[in-house]
Amino acid sequence: MTNGFEDSADNRELLSDRIRNALADEIATGRLEAGAALDEQHLADRFGASRTPVREALRQLAVSGLVEVRPRRGVVVARMTPERIMEMFETVAEIEAMCVRLATYRMTPLERSHLIELHDASETIVKKGDFDAYDAFNRAFHEAIYHATHNSFLAEQAIAIRSRLTAFRRAQLQQDERLDRSRAEHEAIMQAIAEGDGDMASRRMRAHMLNAATALRRFIEASKPV
């Protein structure tokens, strides 16, 4: 079964992203439990797609560690405990704090201008409550900071660990009023950067990431079936 989404390679890519995000949200909130089998044909029928975008979505989920390919069982949801997720958030909080501290001192005027433009554009996104657009912005904002460290190894490590947390960072944005709070936390980080205070930017970034972890925990608790 196919639909209009698959008229071109670009549309197939968009559909695979939509499938990946939907499954990632369900895994992050526990609606798809560890060990649950993910059958390509069943998912294709569910999303009104061919198996090609489904296969690509599953491949991306495997890269991020959310699913595993097991002999004779196919693709299954990976086991990820709440404790493990919180440990990952704690780790990424320290990495991002280091990144923004270095970026504060090393970013070029052009990089600073780009970061300001990204942040300014997010105001409209938050007002619209456009969760998907904010998720994309949030990724661009943080990656701009990684690259502004001018330490390619650190940027690579930050992006790698971020990819492992993508679904959970995305899910926490759905917690009540989190978009507004996230943007306010970005504003505080931007202020510290503007003042050239790398240590303050670092402390605020660490708090920002730990707040995201708290928002995720609350969102998962609220999403549990009664």
N, C-alpha and C. Protein backbone atom coordinates (compact mmCIF):
# COMPACT_ATOMS: atom_id res chain seq x y z
N MET A 1 0.84 -1.19 0.00
CA MET A 1 0.00 0.00 0.00
C MET A 1 0.88 1.24 0.00
N THR A 2 0.63 2.15 -0.94
CA THR A 2 1.43 3.36 -1.02
C THR A 2 0.51 4.56 -1.07
N ASN A 3 1.12 5.75 -0.96
CA ASN A 3 0.32 6.97 -1.06
C ASN A 3 1.14 8.06 -1.71
N GLY A 4 0.61 9.28 -1.75
CA GLY A 4 1.26 10.38 -2.44
C GLY A 4 2.58 10.81 -1.85
N PHE A 5 2.86 10.37 -0.64
CA PHE A 5 4.13 10.76 -0.04
C PHE A 5 5.32 10.19 -0.79
N GLU A 6 5.09 9.15 -1.61
CA GLU A 6 6.20 8.41 -2.18
C GLU A 6 6.43 8.71 -3.66
N ASP A 7 6.05 9.89 -4.08
CA ASP A 7 6.21 10.23 -5.49
C ASP A 7 7.65 10.52 -5.86
N SER A 8 8.50 10.79 -4.91
CA SER A 8 9.88 11.13 -5.21
C SER A 8 10.77 10.67 -4.07
N ALA A 9 12.10 10.71 -4.34
CA ALA A 9 13.05 10.32 -3.29
C ALA A 9 12.93 11.25 -2.09
N ASP A 10 12.71 12.56 -2.36
CA ASP A 10 12.58 13.51 -1.26
C ASP A 10 11.37 13.18 -0.40
N ASN A 11 10.26 12.81 -1.03
CA ASN A 11 9.07 12.48 -0.27
C ASN A 11 9.25 11.19 0.51
N ARG A 12 9.98 10.23 -0.07
CA ARG A 12 10.26 9.00 0.67
C ARG A 12 11.08 9.30 1.90
N GLU A 13 12.03 10.25 1.76
CA GLU A 13 12.84 10.63 2.91
C GLU A 13 11.98 11.29 3.98
N LEU A 14 11.07 12.16 3.57
CA LEU A 14 10.18 12.80 4.53
C LEU A 14 9.32 11.77 5.24
N LEU A 15 8.83 10.78 4.51
CA LEU A 15 7.98 9.76 5.11
C LEU A 15 8.78 8.90 6.08
N SER A 16 10.01 8.56 5.73
CA SER A 16 10.83 7.77 6.64
C SER A 16 11.11 8.55 7.92
N ASP A 17 11.29 9.87 7.80
CA ASP A 17 11.49 10.70 8.99
C ASP A 17 10.24 10.69 9.86
N ARG A 18 9.07 10.76 9.23
CA ARG A 18 7.83 10.78 9.99
C ARG A 18 7.63 9.46 10.73
N ILE A 19 7.94 8.37 10.04
CA ILE A 19 7.81 7.05 10.67
C ILE A 19 8.82 6.92 11.82
N ARG A 20 10.06 7.33 11.56
CA ARG A 20 11.10 7.26 12.60
C ARG A 20 10.69 8.07 13.83
N ASN A 21 10.21 9.30 13.62
CA ASN A 21 9.84 10.15 14.75
C ASN A 21 8.68 9.55 15.54
N ALA A 22 7.70 9.00 14.83
CA ALA A 22 6.55 8.41 15.51
C ALA A 22 6.97 7.22 16.37
N LEU A 23 7.82 6.36 15.81
CA LEU A 23 8.30 5.20 16.57
C LEU A 23 9.21 5.62 17.71
N ALA A 24 10.06 6.62 17.45
CA ALA A 24 10.97 7.11 18.49
C ALA A 24 10.18 7.66 19.67
N ASP A 25 9.11 8.41 19.39
CA ASP A 25 8.28 8.96 20.46
C ASP A 25 7.65 7.84 21.29
N GLU A 26 7.19 6.79 20.61
CA GLU A 26 6.54 5.68 21.31
C GLU A 26 7.55 4.88 22.15
N ILE A 27 8.77 4.75 21.65
CA ILE A 27 9.81 4.06 22.41
C ILE A 27 10.23 4.90 23.61
N ALA A 28 10.42 6.20 23.39
CA ALA A 28 10.89 7.08 24.46
C ALA A 28 9.89 7.16 25.61
N THR A 29 8.61 7.10 25.29
CA THR A 29 7.59 7.22 26.34
C THR A 29 7.15 5.87 26.89
N GLY A 30 7.70 4.78 26.35
CA GLY A 30 7.38 3.46 26.86
C GLY A 30 6.14 2.83 26.25
N ARG A 31 5.52 3.50 25.29
CA ARG A 31 4.35 2.90 24.65
C ARG A 31 4.76 1.68 23.81
N LEU A 32 6.00 1.70 23.32
CA LEU A 32 6.59 0.51 22.71
C LEU A 32 7.64 0.01 23.70
N GLU A 33 7.39 -1.14 24.29
CA GLU A 33 8.25 -1.63 25.36
C GLU A 33 9.46 -2.39 24.83
N ALA A 34 10.47 -2.49 25.68
CA ALA A 34 11.69 -3.24 25.32
C ALA A 34 11.33 -4.66 24.91
N GLY A 35 11.92 -5.11 23.80
CA GLY A 35 11.67 -6.46 23.33
C GLY A 35 10.53 -6.57 22.33
N ALA A 36 9.74 -5.49 22.18
CA ALA A 36 8.62 -5.52 21.23
C ALA A 36 9.16 -5.66 19.81
N ALA A 37 8.56 -6.55 19.04
CA ALA A 37 8.99 -6.78 17.66
C ALA A 37 8.41 -5.70 16.75
N LEU A 38 9.21 -5.25 15.80
CA LEU A 38 8.79 -4.23 14.84
C LEU A 38 8.82 -4.86 13.45
N ASP A 39 7.67 -5.26 12.98
CA ASP A 39 7.56 -5.94 11.69
C ASP A 39 7.41 -4.92 10.57
N GLU A 40 8.25 -5.04 9.55
CA GLU A 40 8.25 -4.07 8.45
C GLU A 40 6.89 -3.96 7.77
N GLN A 41 6.27 -5.10 7.46
CA GLN A 41 5.00 -5.06 6.73
C GLN A 41 3.89 -4.47 7.59
N HIS A 42 3.89 -4.82 8.86
CA HIS A 42 2.88 -4.27 9.77
C HIS A 42 3.02 -2.74 9.85
N LEU A 43 4.26 -2.27 9.96
CA LEU A 43 4.49 -0.83 10.03
C LEU A 43 4.15 -0.15 8.71
N ALA A 44 4.45 -0.81 7.60
CA ALA A 44 4.11 -0.24 6.30
C ALA A 44 2.60 -0.07 6.18
N ASP A 45 1.84 -1.06 6.62
CA ASP A 45 0.38 -0.97 6.59
C ASP A 45 -0.12 0.13 7.52
N ARG A 46 0.49 0.21 8.68
CA ARG A 46 0.08 1.21 9.66
C ARG A 46 0.26 2.63 9.13
N PHE A 47 1.39 2.90 8.49
CA PHE A 47 1.70 4.25 8.03
C PHE A 47 1.30 4.50 6.58
N GLY A 48 0.69 3.51 5.95
CA GLY A 48 0.28 3.70 4.55
C GLY A 48 1.47 3.93 3.65
N ALA A 49 2.49 3.11 3.82
CA ALA A 49 3.75 3.30 3.08
C ALA A 49 4.21 1.97 2.50
N SER A 50 5.20 2.04 1.64
CA SER A 50 5.87 0.82 1.20
C SER A 50 6.88 0.45 2.28
N ARG A 51 7.56 -0.66 2.08
CA ARG A 51 8.52 -1.09 3.09
C ARG A 51 9.83 -0.30 3.03
N THR A 52 10.07 0.43 1.91
CA THR A 52 11.33 1.16 1.76
C THR A 52 11.51 2.24 2.83
N PRO A 53 10.57 3.17 3.02
CA PRO A 53 10.76 4.17 4.07
C PRO A 53 10.72 3.57 5.47
N VAL A 54 9.97 2.48 5.64
CA VAL A 54 9.94 1.80 6.94
C VAL A 54 11.32 1.24 7.26
N ARG A 55 11.93 0.61 6.26
CA ARG A 55 13.27 0.03 6.44
C ARG A 55 14.28 1.12 6.79
N GLU A 56 14.17 2.28 6.13
CA GLU A 56 15.09 3.38 6.41
C GLU A 56 14.87 3.92 7.82
N ALA A 57 13.61 4.03 8.23
CA ALA A 57 13.30 4.51 9.58
C ALA A 57 13.89 3.57 10.63
N LEU A 58 13.75 2.28 10.40
CA LEU A 58 14.29 1.29 11.35
C LEU A 58 15.82 1.34 11.37
N ARG A 59 16.41 1.57 10.20
CA ARG A 59 17.87 1.69 10.14
C ARG A 59 18.35 2.86 11.00
N GLN A 60 17.67 3.99 10.89
CA GLN A 60 18.04 5.17 11.68
C GLN A 60 17.83 4.93 13.17
N LEU A 61 16.77 4.22 13.52
CA LEU A 61 16.53 3.91 14.93
C LEU A 61 17.61 2.97 15.47
N ALA A 62 18.09 2.08 14.62
CA ALA A 62 19.15 1.16 15.03
C ALA A 62 20.45 1.92 15.28
N VAL A 63 20.75 2.89 14.41
CA VAL A 63 21.96 3.70 14.58
C VAL A 63 21.93 4.44 15.91
N SER A 64 20.75 4.91 16.31
CA SER A 64 20.63 5.65 17.57
C SER A 64 20.53 4.74 18.78
N GLY A 65 20.49 3.42 18.55
CA GLY A 65 20.46 2.48 19.66
C GLY A 65 19.09 2.20 20.23
N LEU A 66 18.03 2.68 19.57
CA LEU A 66 16.68 2.48 20.09
C LEU A 66 16.11 1.11 19.73
N VAL A 67 16.60 0.53 18.64
CA VAL A 67 16.17 -0.82 18.26
C VAL A 67 17.39 -1.67 17.97
N GLU A 68 17.20 -2.98 18.00
CA GLU A 68 18.27 -3.92 17.72
C GLU A 68 17.79 -4.93 16.69
N VAL A 69 18.71 -5.40 15.86
CA VAL A 69 18.40 -6.46 14.90
C VAL A 69 18.91 -7.76 15.49
N ARG A 70 17.98 -8.70 15.77
CA ARG A 70 18.34 -9.96 16.41
C ARG A 70 18.07 -11.13 15.48
N PRO A 71 18.96 -12.12 15.49
CA PRO A 71 18.75 -13.32 14.66
C PRO A 71 17.41 -13.98 14.97
N ARG A 72 16.66 -14.30 13.95
CA ARG A 72 15.39 -15.02 14.02
C ARG A 72 14.27 -14.21 14.67
N ARG A 73 14.58 -13.04 15.23
CA ARG A 73 13.52 -12.21 15.82
C ARG A 73 13.31 -10.91 15.05
N GLY A 74 14.23 -10.62 14.13
CA GLY A 74 14.11 -9.39 13.37
C GLY A 74 14.44 -8.18 14.21
N VAL A 75 13.73 -7.07 13.97
CA VAL A 75 14.00 -5.81 14.68
C VAL A 75 13.13 -5.75 15.93
N VAL A 76 13.78 -5.49 17.06
CA VAL A 76 13.05 -5.37 18.32
C VAL A 76 13.49 -4.09 19.04
N VAL A 77 12.61 -3.58 19.90
CA VAL A 77 12.92 -2.39 20.69
C VAL A 77 14.01 -2.73 21.70
N ALA A 78 15.05 -1.92 21.74
CA ALA A 78 16.16 -2.15 22.66
C ALA A 78 15.75 -1.84 24.10
N ARG A 79 16.42 -2.47 25.02
CA ARG A 79 16.16 -2.22 26.43
C ARG A 79 16.91 -0.96 26.86
N MET A 80 16.17 0.00 27.40
CA MET A 80 16.77 1.26 27.85
C MET A 80 16.10 1.64 29.17
N THR A 81 16.78 1.45 30.28
CA THR A 81 16.17 1.72 31.58
C THR A 81 16.16 3.22 31.87
N PRO A 82 15.23 3.67 32.74
CA PRO A 82 15.21 5.09 33.12
C PRO A 82 16.55 5.53 33.71
N GLU A 83 17.18 4.65 34.47
CA GLU A 83 18.47 4.98 35.07
C GLU A 83 19.53 5.22 34.00
N ARG A 84 19.51 4.37 32.97
CA ARG A 84 20.47 4.52 31.87
C ARG A 84 20.24 5.83 31.14
N ILE A 85 18.98 6.18 30.90
CA ILE A 85 18.66 7.42 30.21
C ILE A 85 19.13 8.63 31.01
N MET A 86 18.92 8.60 32.32
CA MET A 86 19.34 9.71 33.16
C MET A 86 20.87 9.82 33.19
N GLU A 87 21.56 8.68 33.17
CA GLU A 87 23.02 8.70 33.10
C GLU A 87 23.49 9.35 31.80
N MET A 88 22.80 9.05 30.71
CA MET A 88 23.16 9.63 29.43
C MET A 88 22.92 11.14 29.43
N PHE A 89 21.81 11.58 30.02
CA PHE A 89 21.55 13.01 30.11
C PHE A 89 22.61 13.70 30.97
N GLU A 90 23.01 13.07 32.07
CA GLU A 90 24.04 13.63 32.93
C GLU A 90 25.36 13.79 32.16
N THR A 91 25.68 12.77 31.36
CA THR A 91 26.91 12.82 30.57
C THR A 91 26.86 13.91 29.51
N VAL A 92 25.74 13.97 28.78
CA VAL A 92 25.63 14.97 27.72
C VAL A 92 25.57 16.38 28.30
N ALA A 93 25.05 16.52 29.53
CA ALA A 93 25.02 17.84 30.17
C ALA A 93 26.44 18.36 30.38
N GLU A 94 27.34 17.47 30.78
CA GLU A 94 28.73 17.88 31.00
C GLU A 94 29.42 18.20 29.68
N ILE A 95 29.16 17.39 28.65
CA ILE A 95 29.77 17.64 27.35
C ILE A 95 29.28 18.96 26.76
N GLU A 96 27.99 19.20 26.85
CA GLU A 96 27.44 20.44 26.30
C GLU A 96 27.90 21.66 27.10
N ALA A 97 28.06 21.48 28.40
CA ALA A 97 28.58 22.58 29.22
C ALA A 97 30.00 22.94 28.79
N MET A 98 30.81 21.92 28.50
CA MET A 98 32.17 22.15 28.02
C MET A 98 32.14 22.84 26.66
N CYS A 99 31.24 22.37 25.79
CA CYS A 99 31.16 22.95 24.44
C CYS A 99 30.82 24.44 24.49
N VAL A 100 29.81 24.81 25.28
CA VAL A 100 29.39 26.20 25.27
C VAL A 100 30.44 27.09 25.94
N ARG A 101 31.18 26.56 26.90
CA ARG A 101 32.24 27.35 27.52
C ARG A 101 33.33 27.67 26.49
N LEU A 102 33.77 26.66 25.75
CA LEU A 102 34.78 26.89 24.71
C LEU A 102 34.23 27.78 23.60
N ALA A 103 32.97 27.52 23.20
CA ALA A 103 32.38 28.28 22.10
C ALA A 103 32.26 29.76 22.45
N THR A 104 31.99 30.06 23.71
CA THR A 104 31.88 31.46 24.13
C THR A 104 33.14 32.24 23.82
N TYR A 105 34.30 31.60 24.02
CA TYR A 105 35.57 32.27 23.81
C TYR A 105 36.10 32.15 22.37
N ARG A 106 35.62 31.14 21.63
CA ARG A 106 36.22 30.86 20.33
C ARG A 106 35.35 31.19 19.12
N MET A 107 34.05 31.37 19.30
CA MET A 107 33.19 31.56 18.14
C MET A 107 33.50 32.86 17.42
N THR A 108 33.37 32.82 16.12
CA THR A 108 33.60 34.00 15.29
C THR A 108 32.37 34.90 15.32
N PRO A 109 32.51 36.17 14.93
CA PRO A 109 31.33 37.04 14.85
C PRO A 109 30.24 36.46 13.95
N LEU A 110 30.64 35.79 12.87
CA LEU A 110 29.65 35.20 11.97
C LEU A 110 28.91 34.06 12.66
N GLU A 111 29.62 33.25 13.40
CA GLU A 111 28.99 32.15 14.14
C GLU A 111 28.05 32.68 15.21
N ARG A 112 28.47 33.75 15.89
CA ARG A 112 27.62 34.36 16.91
C ARG A 112 26.35 34.91 16.28
N SER A 113 26.50 35.55 15.12
CA SER A 113 25.34 36.10 14.41
C SER A 113 24.38 34.99 14.01
N HIS A 114 24.91 33.87 13.54
CA HIS A 114 24.08 32.74 13.14
C HIS A 114 23.30 32.19 14.33
N LEU A 115 23.97 32.08 15.47
CA LEU A 115 23.33 31.57 16.67
C LEU A 115 22.20 32.51 17.11
N ILE A 116 22.44 33.80 17.03
CA ILE A 116 21.41 34.78 17.39
C ILE A 116 20.21 34.66 16.45
N GLU A 117 20.49 34.50 15.16
CA GLU A 117 19.40 34.36 14.18
C GLU A 117 18.56 33.11 14.46
N LEU A 118 19.23 32.02 14.79
CA LEU A 118 18.50 30.80 15.12
C LEU A 118 17.61 31.01 16.33
N HIS A 119 18.19 31.61 17.36
CA HIS A 119 17.44 31.83 18.59
C HIS A 119 16.25 32.76 18.36
N ASP A 120 16.47 33.83 17.63
CA ASP A 120 15.39 34.78 17.35
C ASP A 120 14.25 34.11 16.59
N ALA A 121 14.60 33.27 15.62
CA ALA A 121 13.58 32.60 14.81
C ALA A 121 12.75 31.62 15.63
N SER A 122 13.30 31.14 16.73
CA SER A 122 12.58 30.16 17.54
C SER A 122 11.39 30.77 18.29
N GLU A 123 11.37 32.10 18.41
CA GLU A 123 10.26 32.74 19.12
C GLU A 123 8.93 32.46 18.42
N THR A 124 8.90 32.59 17.11
CA THR A 124 7.69 32.33 16.34
C THR A 124 7.29 30.86 16.45
N ILE A 125 8.26 29.98 16.42
CA ILE A 125 8.00 28.54 16.53
C ILE A 125 7.32 28.23 17.86
N VAL A 126 7.83 28.82 18.94
CA VAL A 126 7.26 28.58 20.26
C VAL A 126 5.84 29.13 20.35
N LYS A 127 5.62 30.32 19.81
CA LYS A 127 4.29 30.90 19.84
C LYS A 127 3.27 30.04 19.10
N LYS A 128 3.72 29.41 18.03
CA LYS A 128 2.83 28.53 17.26
C LYS A 128 2.66 27.17 17.95
N GLY A 129 3.54 26.87 18.90
CA GLY A 129 3.50 25.56 19.53
C GLY A 129 3.86 24.44 18.57
N ASP A 130 4.73 24.76 17.60
CA ASP A 130 5.11 23.80 16.57
C ASP A 130 6.23 22.91 17.10
N PHE A 131 5.83 21.79 17.65
CA PHE A 131 6.75 20.88 18.31
C PHE A 131 7.83 20.34 17.38
N ASP A 132 7.41 19.90 16.17
CA ASP A 132 8.38 19.34 15.22
C ASP A 132 9.39 20.39 14.76
N ALA A 133 8.91 21.62 14.51
CA ALA A 133 9.81 22.69 14.07
C ALA A 133 10.79 23.05 15.18
N TYR A 134 10.31 23.04 16.42
CA TYR A 134 11.20 23.38 17.54
C TYR A 134 12.25 22.28 17.73
N ASP A 135 11.85 21.05 17.54
CA ASP A 135 12.79 19.94 17.64
C ASP A 135 13.92 20.12 16.63
N ALA A 136 13.57 20.49 15.39
CA ALA A 136 14.59 20.72 14.35
C ALA A 136 15.46 21.92 14.70
N PHE A 137 14.83 23.00 15.18
CA PHE A 137 15.59 24.18 15.59
C PHE A 137 16.55 23.83 16.72
N ASN A 138 16.05 23.11 17.70
CA ASN A 138 16.84 22.79 18.88
C ASN A 138 18.11 22.03 18.50
N ARG A 139 17.96 21.11 17.57
CA ARG A 139 19.13 20.37 17.09
C ARG A 139 20.12 21.31 16.41
N ALA A 140 19.62 22.22 15.57
CA ALA A 140 20.50 23.16 14.87
C ALA A 140 21.19 24.11 15.85
N PHE A 141 20.47 24.56 16.86
CA PHE A 141 21.02 25.48 17.85
C PHE A 141 22.19 24.84 18.60
N HIS A 142 21.97 23.63 19.10
CA HIS A 142 23.03 22.97 19.88
C HIS A 142 24.21 22.59 18.99
N GLU A 143 23.94 22.15 17.76
CA GLU A 143 25.05 21.78 16.89
C GLU A 143 25.86 22.99 16.45
N ALA A 144 25.20 24.15 16.36
CA ALA A 144 25.94 25.38 16.05
C ALA A 144 26.94 25.69 17.17
N ILE A 145 26.55 25.42 18.39
CA ILE A 145 27.45 25.63 19.53
C ILE A 145 28.61 24.63 19.47
N TYR A 146 28.31 23.36 19.15
CA TYR A 146 29.39 22.36 19.05
C TYR A 146 30.45 22.82 18.05
N HIS A 147 30.01 23.24 16.88
CA HIS A 147 30.96 23.62 15.83
C HIS A 147 31.71 24.90 16.18
N ALA A 148 31.09 25.75 16.98
CA ALA A 148 31.74 27.01 17.37
C ALA A 148 32.86 26.79 18.39
N THR A 149 33.01 25.55 18.89
CA THR A 149 34.15 25.27 19.78
C THR A 149 35.46 25.26 18.98
N HIS A 150 35.35 25.06 17.67
CA HIS A 150 36.53 24.89 16.80
C HIS A 150 37.42 23.76 17.30
N ASN A 151 36.76 22.76 17.87
CA ASN A 151 37.43 21.52 18.27
C ASN A 151 36.63 20.40 17.60
N SER A 152 37.10 19.94 16.46
CA SER A 152 36.33 19.00 15.65
C SER A 152 36.09 17.67 16.38
N PHE A 153 37.06 17.23 17.18
CA PHE A 153 36.88 15.98 17.91
C PHE A 153 35.77 16.11 18.93
N LEU A 154 35.78 17.21 19.67
CA LEU A 154 34.74 17.44 20.67
C LEU A 154 33.37 17.54 20.00
N ALA A 155 33.30 18.24 18.87
CA ALA A 155 32.03 18.37 18.15
C ALA A 155 31.52 17.01 17.69
N GLU A 156 32.42 16.18 17.20
CA GLU A 156 32.03 14.83 16.76
C GLU A 156 31.48 14.01 17.91
N GLN A 157 32.12 14.09 19.08
CA GLN A 157 31.66 13.33 20.24
C GLN A 157 30.31 13.84 20.73
N ALA A 158 30.15 15.17 20.72
CA ALA A 158 28.88 15.76 21.16
C ALA A 158 27.74 15.33 20.25
N ILE A 159 27.99 15.34 18.94
CA ILE A 159 26.95 14.93 17.99
C ILE A 159 26.64 13.45 18.14
N ALA A 160 27.67 12.64 18.36
CA ALA A 160 27.48 11.20 18.50
C ALA A 160 26.60 10.87 19.71
N ILE A 161 26.90 11.48 20.84
CA ILE A 161 26.10 11.17 22.03
C ILE A 161 24.72 11.79 21.92
N ARG A 162 24.63 12.95 21.25
CA ARG A 162 23.32 13.55 21.04
C ARG A 162 22.42 12.61 20.23
N SER A 163 23.01 11.94 19.23
CA SER A 163 22.22 11.03 18.39
C SER A 163 21.64 9.89 19.20
N ARG A 164 22.34 9.48 20.27
CA ARG A 164 21.83 8.41 21.13
C ARG A 164 20.65 8.89 21.97
N LEU A 165 20.57 10.20 22.17
CA LEU A 165 19.51 10.76 23.02
C LEU A 165 18.42 11.48 22.22
N THR A 166 18.52 11.43 20.90
CA THR A 166 17.62 12.23 20.08
C THR A 166 16.15 12.00 20.43
N ALA A 167 15.73 10.75 20.54
CA ALA A 167 14.32 10.47 20.82
C ALA A 167 13.90 11.01 22.17
N PHE A 168 14.80 10.94 23.15
CA PHE A 168 14.44 11.38 24.49
C PHE A 168 14.47 12.90 24.60
N ARG A 169 15.40 13.53 23.88
CA ARG A 169 15.43 15.00 23.85
C ARG A 169 14.20 15.52 23.13
N ARG A 170 13.77 14.78 22.12
CA ARG A 170 12.55 15.15 21.40
C ARG A 170 11.32 14.98 22.29
N ALA A 171 11.24 13.86 22.98
CA ALA A 171 10.06 13.57 23.82
C ALA A 171 9.89 14.59 24.94
N GLN A 172 10.99 15.03 25.54
CA GLN A 172 10.86 15.94 26.69
C GLN A 172 10.26 17.29 26.30
N LEU A 173 10.37 17.62 25.01
CA LEU A 173 9.80 18.89 24.54
C LEU A 173 8.27 18.88 24.58
N GLN A 174 7.69 17.68 24.69
CA GLN A 174 6.23 17.57 24.73
C GLN A 174 5.66 17.77 26.12
N GLN A 175 6.53 17.85 27.11
CA GLN A 175 6.05 18.09 28.46
C GLN A 175 5.46 19.50 28.55
N ASP A 176 4.41 19.66 29.34
CA ASP A 176 3.69 20.94 29.43
C ASP A 176 4.62 22.14 29.58
N GLU A 177 4.46 23.12 28.70
CA GLU A 177 5.17 24.40 28.72
C GLU A 177 6.69 24.26 28.52
N ARG A 178 7.15 23.07 28.10
CA ARG A 178 8.59 22.88 27.97
C ARG A 178 9.17 23.73 26.85
N LEU A 179 8.41 23.96 25.76
CA LEU A 179 8.95 24.79 24.68
C LEU A 179 9.29 26.19 25.19
N ASP A 180 8.36 26.78 25.96
CA ASP A 180 8.61 28.12 26.51
C ASP A 180 9.81 28.12 27.44
N ARG A 181 9.88 27.11 28.28
CA ARG A 181 10.98 27.05 29.25
C ARG A 181 12.31 26.80 28.57
N SER A 182 12.29 25.93 27.57
CA SER A 182 13.52 25.64 26.82
C SER A 182 14.05 26.92 26.17
N ARG A 183 13.15 27.67 25.54
CA ARG A 183 13.60 28.90 24.88
C ARG A 183 14.12 29.91 25.90
N ALA A 184 13.48 30.00 27.06
CA ALA A 184 13.94 30.91 28.10
C ALA A 184 15.34 30.51 28.58
N GLU A 185 15.58 29.20 28.67
CA GLU A 185 16.90 28.72 29.08
C GLU A 185 17.94 29.03 28.00
N HIS A 186 17.55 28.91 26.74
CA HIS A 186 18.44 29.31 25.65
C HIS A 186 18.77 30.79 25.74
N GLU A 187 17.75 31.59 26.08
CA GLU A 187 17.94 33.05 26.20
C GLU A 187 19.00 33.36 27.26
N ALA A 188 18.94 32.65 28.38
CA ALA A 188 19.91 32.86 29.46
C ALA A 188 21.31 32.46 29.01
N ILE A 189 21.40 31.37 28.26
CA ILE A 189 22.70 30.94 27.73
C ILE A 189 23.25 31.97 26.75
N MET A 190 22.39 32.47 25.88
CA MET A 190 22.80 33.48 24.90
C MET A 190 23.29 34.76 25.59
N GLN A 191 22.64 35.13 26.69
CA GLN A 191 23.05 36.32 27.42
C GLN A 191 24.46 36.15 27.98
N ALA A 192 24.74 34.97 28.54
CA ALA A 192 26.09 34.70 29.06
C ALA A 192 27.12 34.72 27.95
N ILE A 193 26.77 34.17 26.79
CA ILE A 193 27.68 34.20 25.64
C ILE A 193 27.95 35.64 25.22
N ALA A 194 26.90 36.46 25.16
CA ALA A 194 27.04 37.86 24.75
C ALA A 194 27.94 38.63 25.71
N GLU A 195 27.91 38.25 26.98
CA GLU A 195 28.74 38.90 27.99
C GLU A 195 30.15 38.32 28.04
N GLY A 196 30.41 37.31 27.22
CA GLY A 196 31.73 36.69 27.19
C GLY A 196 32.04 35.89 28.43
N ASP A 197 31.01 35.45 29.16
CA ASP A 197 31.20 34.70 30.40
C ASP A 197 31.00 33.22 30.13
N GLY A 198 32.07 32.55 29.74
CA GLY A 198 32.00 31.14 29.41
C GLY A 198 31.61 30.26 30.58
N ASP A 199 32.05 30.62 31.77
CA ASP A 199 31.72 29.80 32.94
C ASP A 199 30.22 29.88 33.25
N MET A 200 29.65 31.07 33.13
CA MET A 200 28.22 31.23 33.36
C MET A 200 27.43 30.48 32.27
N ALA A 201 27.86 30.61 31.02
CA ALA A 201 27.19 29.90 29.93
C ALA A 201 27.23 28.40 30.18
N SER A 202 28.36 27.92 30.69
CA SER A 202 28.53 26.50 30.98
C SER A 202 27.55 26.05 32.06
N ARG A 203 27.45 26.82 33.15
CA ARG A 203 26.54 26.46 34.24
C ARG A 203 25.09 26.47 33.76
N ARG A 204 24.75 27.43 32.94
CA ARG A 204 23.37 27.52 32.44
C ARG A 204 23.06 26.40 31.46
N MET A 205 24.03 26.02 30.65
CA MET A 205 23.81 24.90 29.73
C MET A 205 23.64 23.60 30.51
N ARG A 206 24.44 23.40 31.53
CA ARG A 206 24.31 22.18 32.33
C ARG A 206 22.92 22.12 32.96
N ALA A 207 22.47 23.23 33.50
CA ALA A 207 21.13 23.28 34.10
C ALA A 207 20.06 23.03 33.05
N HIS A 208 20.25 23.58 31.85
CA HIS A 208 19.31 23.40 30.74
C HIS A 208 19.14 21.92 30.42
N MET A 209 20.23 21.19 30.33
CA MET A 209 20.16 19.78 30.00
C MET A 209 19.56 18.96 31.13
N LEU A 210 19.86 19.29 32.37
CA LEU A 210 19.28 18.56 33.49
C LEU A 210 17.79 18.87 33.63
N ASN A 211 17.40 20.08 33.28
CA ASN A 211 15.97 20.42 33.25
C ASN A 211 15.26 19.59 32.18
N ALA A 212 15.93 19.37 31.06
CA ALA A 212 15.36 18.54 29.99
C ALA A 212 15.15 17.11 30.49
N ALA A 213 16.10 16.60 31.27
CA ALA A 213 15.96 15.26 31.82
C ALA A 213 14.77 15.18 32.77
N THR A 214 14.60 16.20 33.58
CA THR A 214 13.46 16.24 34.50
C THR A 214 12.14 16.31 33.73
N ALA A 215 12.12 17.13 32.68
CA ALA A 215 10.92 17.25 31.85
C ALA A 215 10.59 15.90 31.21
N LEU A 216 11.61 15.17 30.78
CA LEU A 216 11.39 13.86 30.17
C LEU A 216 10.77 12.91 31.19
N ARG A 217 11.31 12.89 32.39
CA ARG A 217 10.77 11.99 33.43
C ARG A 217 9.29 12.31 33.69
N ARG A 218 8.97 13.59 33.79
CA ARG A 218 7.58 13.97 34.04
C ARG A 218 6.67 13.60 32.88
N PHE A 219 7.19 13.78 31.65
CA PHE A 219 6.38 13.47 30.48
C PHE A 219 6.12 11.97 30.40
N ILE A 220 7.12 11.16 30.68
CA ILE A 220 6.95 9.70 30.63
C ILE A 220 5.94 9.26 31.70
N GLU A 221 6.05 9.84 32.89
CA GLU A 221 5.11 9.49 33.96
C GLU A 221 3.67 9.85 33.58
N ALA A 222 3.52 11.02 32.94
CA ALA A 222 2.19 11.47 32.54
C ALA A 222 1.64 10.64 31.39
N SER A 223 2.52 10.02 30.62
CA SER A 223 2.11 9.25 29.44
C SER A 223 1.75 7.81 29.77
N LYS A 224 2.08 7.36 31.00
CA LYS A 224 1.81 5.99 31.36
C LYS A 224 0.30 5.74 31.44
N PRO A 225 -0.16 4.59 30.94
CA PRO A 225 -1.58 4.28 31.02
C PRO A 225 -2.04 4.18 32.48
N VAL A 226 -3.22 4.66 32.76
CA VAL A 226 -3.75 4.63 34.13
C VAL A 226 -4.23 3.23 34.45
